[in-house]
Protein backbone atom coordinates (compact mmCIF):
# COMPACT_ATOMS: atom_id res chain seq x y z
CA UNK A 1 0.08 -0.24 -0.11
CA UNK A 2 2.09 2.79 -1.02
CA UNK A 3 1.84 6.66 1.89
CA UNK A 4 -0.67 8.42 -0.82
CA UNK A 5 -3.33 5.72 -0.97
CA UNK A 6 -3.12 5.09 3.48
CA UNK A 7 -3.25 9.01 3.64
CA UNK A 8 -6.21 8.56 2.28
CA UNK A 9 -8.04 5.70 4.40
CA UNK A 10 -6.46 6.80 7.56
CA UNK A 11 -9.05 10.59 6.11
CA UNK A 12 -11.71 8.64 5.49
CA UNK A 13 -13.00 6.03 7.89
CA UNK A 14 -15.98 5.34 5.45
CA UNK A 15 -13.17 4.31 2.61
CA UNK A 16 -11.23 2.54 5.17
CA UNK A 17 -14.26 0.37 5.44
CA UNK A 18 -15.65 -0.09 1.83
CA UNK A 19 -12.18 -1.55 1.95
CA UNK A 20 -12.49 -4.03 3.97
CA UNK A 21 -15.33 -5.29 2.84
CA UNK A 22 -14.00 -5.15 -0.43
CA UNK A 23 -11.59 -7.87 1.67
CA UNK A 24 -14.20 -9.83 3.60
CA UNK A 25 -15.96 -10.16 -0.30
CA UNK A 26 -12.48 -11.27 -1.83
CA UNK A 27 -12.41 -13.74 1.45
CA UNK A 28 -9.41 -12.37 2.18
CA UNK A 29 -10.82 -11.18 5.58
CA UNK A 30 -13.02 -13.74 7.91
CA UNK A 31 -15.26 -12.80 11.37
CA UNK A 32 -14.34 -14.77 13.98
CA UNK A 33 -14.01 -14.96 17.62
CA UNK A 34 -11.47 -14.05 19.27
CA UNK A 35 -8.41 -16.69 20.25
CA UNK A 36 -6.30 -15.26 22.88
CA UNK A 37 -4.27 -18.73 21.66
CA UNK A 38 -4.08 -16.81 18.77
CA UNK A 39 -3.45 -13.64 20.19
CA UNK A 40 -0.28 -14.96 22.57
CA UNK A 41 1.56 -16.92 20.07
CA UNK A 42 1.13 -14.25 17.67
CA UNK A 43 2.70 -11.50 20.50
CA UNK A 44 5.52 -14.50 21.20
CA UNK A 45 6.63 -14.50 17.31
CA UNK A 46 7.08 -11.28 17.27
CA UNK A 47 8.72 -11.81 20.55
CA UNK A 48 11.19 -13.61 18.79
CA UNK A 49 11.48 -11.91 16.05
CA UNK A 50 12.67 -8.70 17.79
CA UNK A 51 14.98 -11.21 19.75
CA UNK A 52 16.41 -12.66 16.38
CA UNK A 53 17.64 -8.81 15.28
CA UNK A 54 18.55 -8.46 18.57
CA UNK A 55 21.22 -11.49 18.24
CA UNK A 56 22.64 -11.12 14.72
CA UNK A 57 25.62 -9.59 13.20
CA UNK A 58 25.54 -5.95 11.77
CA UNK A 59 26.71 -8.03 8.85
CA UNK A 60 22.59 -9.17 8.12
CA UNK A 61 21.42 -5.96 7.67
CA UNK A 62 18.94 -7.50 5.69
CA UNK A 63 16.99 -9.73 7.47
CA UNK A 64 16.86 -6.94 10.51
CA UNK A 65 14.54 -5.51 8.29
CA UNK A 66 12.49 -7.99 7.26
CA UNK A 67 12.78 -9.64 11.35
CA UNK A 68 11.66 -6.42 12.64
CA UNK A 69 8.53 -6.54 10.09
CA UNK A 70 7.86 -9.51 10.79
CA UNK A 71 7.22 -8.45 14.96
CA UNK A 72 5.27 -5.81 13.89
CA UNK A 73 3.01 -7.82 11.98
CA UNK A 74 2.66 -10.78 14.36
CA UNK A 75 2.30 -8.04 16.73
CA UNK A 76 -0.63 -6.25 14.32
CA UNK A 77 -1.93 -10.29 13.28
CA UNK A 78 -2.12 -10.06 16.86
CA UNK A 79 -4.16 -7.52 17.29
CA UNK A 80 -6.93 -7.63 14.96
CA UNK A 81 -7.84 -11.63 16.52
CA UNK A 82 -8.05 -9.68 19.84
CA UNK A 83 -11.20 -7.66 18.28
CA UNK A 84 -12.75 -11.19 15.88
CA UNK A 85 -10.66 -10.96 12.53
CA UNK A 86 -8.81 -12.77 10.32
CA UNK A 87 -6.37 -10.94 7.25
CA UNK A 88 -5.04 -13.73 4.88
CA UNK A 89 -3.37 -10.11 4.08
CA UNK A 90 -0.61 -7.40 5.10
CA UNK A 91 -2.62 -5.04 3.46
CA UNK A 92 -5.57 -5.77 5.04
CA UNK A 93 -4.23 -6.91 8.43
CA UNK A 94 -2.78 -2.89 7.91
CA UNK A 95 -6.36 -1.80 7.12
CA UNK A 96 -7.86 -3.64 10.46
CA UNK A 97 -5.81 -2.21 12.62
CA UNK A 98 -6.47 0.85 10.89
CA UNK A 99 -10.24 0.48 11.71
CA UNK A 100 -10.23 -0.83 15.55
CA UNK A 101 -7.10 1.04 16.99
CA UNK A 102 -5.85 4.02 15.00
CA UNK A 103 -7.93 7.31 15.78
CA UNK A 104 -6.98 11.21 14.93
CA UNK A 105 -7.09 12.78 18.31
CA UNK A 106 -5.05 15.66 19.38
CA UNK A 107 -1.84 15.73 21.04
CA UNK A 108 -2.91 16.54 24.17
CA UNK A 109 -5.86 13.64 23.95
CA UNK A 110 -3.35 11.64 22.89
CA UNK A 111 -1.61 12.34 26.13
CA UNK A 112 -4.88 11.42 28.66
CA UNK A 113 -5.51 7.71 26.35
CA UNK A 114 -1.40 6.79 26.50
CA UNK A 115 -1.70 3.44 24.82
CA UNK A 116 -5.28 3.23 24.62
CA UNK A 117 -4.70 3.57 20.24
CA UNK A 118 -2.63 3.69 17.65
CA UNK A 119 -1.36 7.20 16.24
CA UNK A 120 -1.26 8.55 12.24
CA UNK A 121 3.13 7.94 13.25
CA UNK A 122 2.38 4.17 14.05
CA UNK A 123 0.23 3.18 11.71
CA UNK A 124 3.09 5.30 8.79
CA UNK A 125 6.27 3.06 11.10
CA UNK A 126 3.99 0.05 9.97
CA UNK A 127 4.26 1.50 6.57
CA UNK A 128 7.62 2.14 6.22
CA UNK A 129 8.94 -0.85 7.50
CA UNK A 130 6.90 -3.25 5.39
CA UNK A 131 8.14 -0.68 2.42
CA UNK A 132 11.75 -1.31 2.99
CA UNK A 133 10.95 -4.96 4.14
CA UNK A 134 9.78 -5.92 0.34
CA UNK A 135 13.02 -3.56 -0.10
CA UNK A 136 15.04 -5.67 1.77
CA UNK A 137 12.88 -9.40 0.73
CA UNK A 138 12.88 -8.76 -3.05
CA UNK A 139 16.39 -6.47 -4.11
CA UNK A 140 19.98 -7.22 -4.64
CA UNK A 141 20.54 -5.20 -1.46
CA UNK A 142 21.99 -6.72 1.31
CA UNK A 143 23.29 -3.51 3.17
CA UNK A 144 21.12 -1.15 4.60
CA UNK A 145 22.75 1.69 6.89
CA UNK A 146 22.76 0.54 10.80
CA UNK A 147 21.36 3.70 12.24
CA UNK A 148 18.57 3.74 9.87
CA UNK A 149 17.78 -0.22 11.27
CA UNK A 150 18.70 1.29 14.83
CA UNK A 151 15.90 2.99 14.38
CA UNK A 152 13.63 1.09 13.09
CA UNK A 153 14.26 -2.01 15.72
CA UNK A 154 13.76 0.89 18.47
CA UNK A 155 10.29 2.05 16.66
CA UNK A 156 9.72 -2.13 16.25
CA UNK A 157 9.84 -2.28 20.13
CA UNK A 158 7.98 0.92 20.81
CA UNK A 159 5.10 -0.63 18.29
CA UNK A 160 5.57 -4.23 20.53
CA UNK A 161 4.97 -3.10 23.58
CA UNK A 162 2.25 -0.97 22.36
CA UNK A 163 0.63 -3.58 20.76
CA UNK A 164 1.45 -5.76 24.30
CA UNK A 165 -0.68 -2.56 26.47
CA UNK A 166 -3.57 -2.94 24.07
CA UNK A 167 -3.51 -6.59 24.34
CA UNK A 168 -3.51 -6.39 28.21
CA UNK A 169 -6.22 -4.07 28.69
């Protein structure tokens, strides 16, 4: 999903809901009872991915990018399963994440609710990490700047911690 279309979805709940209906009609999104074991399993997988990234050599920066994204993705799957959805697509998972957890709040409101919602920055980071993961997975490039990796790693940890907090509420 490109950033322009993402911003359009973030700005229009109606368009976001229409996109999710398309995913449902295509069989990509299903409504199901929340499954706490699946939620716990995806969080465990997210933690495993971040531990993998933490343990690998700087020589494998492409795998650090991939590991960070899959940490985010499994955290996102845990969040949507908690709300009673199943997704077979990365873009559908992102749309469900926005539907259930994103609210366009002022900075003052965000300070009051703290971890209750994902921010626009959280959603944009998720998409940027997904795009970087695609570059790491599908291009011939094997080296990424380690300062970029550190930023991705830090933001991935923050996203994971926020997901854990949302799940525990």
